[in-house]
Structure formats: C-alpha cells, structure tokens
Protein backbone atom coordinates (compact mmCIF):
# COMPACT_ATOMS: atom_id res chain seq x y z
CA MET A 1 16.37 -28.05 -112.03
CA LYS A 2 16.24 -31.80 -112.56
CA HIS A 3 14.06 -33.18 -115.33
CA GLU A 4 13.35 -36.58 -116.75
CA LYS A 5 15.37 -37.50 -119.83
CA TRP A 6 13.60 -37.63 -123.17
CA GLU A 7 13.93 -40.72 -125.34
CA VAL A 8 14.14 -40.11 -129.09
CA LEU A 9 13.35 -42.87 -131.57
CA PHE A 10 12.50 -43.36 -135.21
CA LEU A 11 9.02 -44.69 -135.98
CA ASN A 12 10.44 -47.43 -138.18
CA ASP A 13 13.36 -48.44 -140.43
CA LYS A 14 12.03 -46.35 -143.32
CA VAL A 15 12.23 -43.17 -141.23
CA GLU A 16 15.69 -44.13 -140.00
CA ASP A 17 16.77 -44.63 -143.62
CA GLU A 18 15.46 -41.14 -144.45
CA PHE A 19 17.67 -39.80 -141.68
CA LEU A 20 20.69 -41.85 -142.73
CA SER A 21 20.41 -40.46 -146.28
CA LEU A 22 21.08 -36.91 -145.01
CA LYS A 23 24.49 -35.31 -145.54
CA PRO A 24 26.87 -35.60 -142.56
CA ASP A 25 26.56 -31.92 -141.57
CA LEU A 26 22.75 -32.19 -141.36
CA LYS A 27 23.02 -35.37 -139.26
CA ALA A 28 25.50 -33.65 -136.96
CA HIS A 29 23.10 -30.73 -136.46
CA TYR A 30 20.28 -33.20 -135.71
CA TRP A 31 22.36 -34.91 -133.01
CA HIS A 32 23.31 -31.53 -131.54
CA ILE A 33 19.63 -30.57 -131.18
CA ILE A 34 18.77 -34.00 -129.74
CA ASP A 35 21.58 -33.58 -127.19
CA LEU A 36 20.11 -30.19 -126.21
CA VAL A 37 16.66 -31.78 -125.78
CA LYS A 38 18.08 -34.58 -123.64
CA GLU A 39 20.09 -32.16 -121.49
CA PHE A 40 17.61 -29.32 -121.04
CA GLY A 41 14.23 -30.86 -121.82
CA LEU A 42 11.94 -30.40 -124.78
CA ILE A 43 10.15 -27.36 -123.34
CA SER A 44 13.43 -25.44 -122.99
CA ILE A 45 14.35 -25.83 -126.66
CA GLY A 46 12.42 -23.67 -129.10
CA VAL A 47 12.88 -21.67 -132.27
CA PRO A 48 15.16 -21.80 -134.20
CA HIS A 49 15.70 -25.49 -133.36
CA ILE A 50 12.13 -26.69 -132.91
CA LYS A 51 8.87 -25.30 -134.26
CA PRO A 52 5.23 -26.45 -133.92
CA LEU A 53 3.40 -27.50 -137.09
CA GLY A 54 -0.02 -28.18 -135.54
CA ASN A 55 -2.00 -31.43 -135.24
CA LYS A 56 0.43 -32.67 -132.54
CA LEU A 57 3.32 -32.42 -135.00
CA TRP A 58 6.56 -30.52 -134.47
CA GLU A 59 9.66 -30.12 -136.60
CA ILE A 60 13.33 -30.23 -135.74
CA ARG A 61 14.94 -27.64 -138.00
CA LEU A 62 18.27 -28.70 -139.44
CA LYS A 63 20.68 -26.42 -141.25
CA GLY A 64 23.78 -27.64 -143.03
CA LYS A 65 26.44 -26.05 -145.18
CA ASP A 66 24.44 -26.36 -148.42
CA ASP A 67 21.01 -27.70 -147.41
CA ILE A 68 18.27 -27.47 -144.85
CA ALA A 69 16.24 -30.43 -143.66
CA ARG A 70 13.42 -31.19 -141.28
CA ALA A 71 12.62 -34.06 -138.96
CA ILE A 72 8.90 -34.09 -138.21
CA TYR A 73 7.98 -35.69 -134.90
CA THR A 74 5.30 -36.18 -132.32
CA THR A 75 5.55 -36.88 -128.61
CA ILE A 76 4.03 -39.80 -126.78
CA ILE A 77 3.49 -40.71 -123.14
CA GLY A 78 6.64 -41.43 -121.21
CA LYS A 79 8.72 -38.49 -122.48
CA ARG A 80 9.29 -40.05 -125.88
CA ILE A 81 9.81 -38.26 -129.17
CA VAL A 82 8.97 -40.30 -132.25
CA ILE A 83 10.52 -39.12 -135.51
CA LEU A 84 7.90 -39.64 -138.25
CA HIS A 85 9.52 -38.19 -141.38
CA VAL A 86 12.92 -36.75 -142.33
CA PHE A 87 13.52 -34.84 -145.56
CA VAL A 88 15.67 -32.20 -147.22
CA LYS A 89 13.68 -29.02 -147.62
CA LYS A 90 13.51 -27.41 -151.07
CA THR A 91 11.03 -24.59 -150.41
CA GLN A 92 10.52 -21.92 -147.75
CA LYS A 93 7.41 -23.57 -146.32
CA THR A 94 7.23 -27.15 -145.04
CA PRO A 95 5.51 -29.07 -147.88
CA ARG A 96 1.91 -30.13 -147.27
CA LEU A 97 2.73 -33.64 -148.53
CA ALA A 98 5.47 -34.00 -145.89
CA ILE A 99 2.99 -33.07 -143.15
CA GLU A 100 0.35 -35.44 -144.58
CA LEU A 101 2.89 -38.29 -144.65
CA ALA A 102 3.84 -37.59 -141.03
CA LEU A 103 0.16 -37.56 -140.00
CA LYS A 104 -0.41 -40.87 -141.80
CA ARG A 105 2.61 -42.41 -140.07
CA MET A 106 1.48 -41.03 -136.70
CA LYS A 107 -1.59 -43.27 -136.97
CA GLU A 108 0.77 -46.27 -136.65
CA LEU A 109 1.38 -45.27 -133.03
C-alpha cells in the first residue's frame, strides 16, 4: 500500500538543541523510529514507539542503554510532524511540566 511520506521537523533551534544534547544511543533510537514512520506511515507505528498524550500531543518513546527520553510532538496539515520538546525522562510518568511546555510551544504553530 502506497502512502504519502511524513515530514519531521523541529519547532525551532531550541528544540533541536534539546535533541542534540541526547546521548548517541538515544538519538539513534529516535532516527530509527522516524525511519519507521517515514517508511510505514504514522498510523502503522504505535506502542511501544509512539503513545498519545492527549490535547493533540503524542510522544516518541526513546530507550537507550542507560536512559530513556521522550520527544513530544504534534501533527499539522500536510503530513508533518513537529517536534515540540525533547527531554531525558527521570520518572515513570511523563512530567506535567514537559507537557505544559509542549502545549505552550504548540501555540507558536
């Protein structure tokens, strides 16, 4: 089945810097998931790689050798994924402040 390719971009330089600060193994896992999304489409990729957070936010779930991280994103018209916030996760649940920051940044769209 043929599908349109998804475009993935960072909201701004600050978000890209958050991503660049991740350890190499977490970045590699991110790119692996993005490649899956581009090849199979966003709808085909689910848990454990992607999980809904509500309020039009989703998270890409990254697991490395020593850490876990999340990239919170939203989708916009034209099959585009916009990464709003990237962080290393310290607790079991995604922190409320991380979601609030992503929501605030989503308003820039």
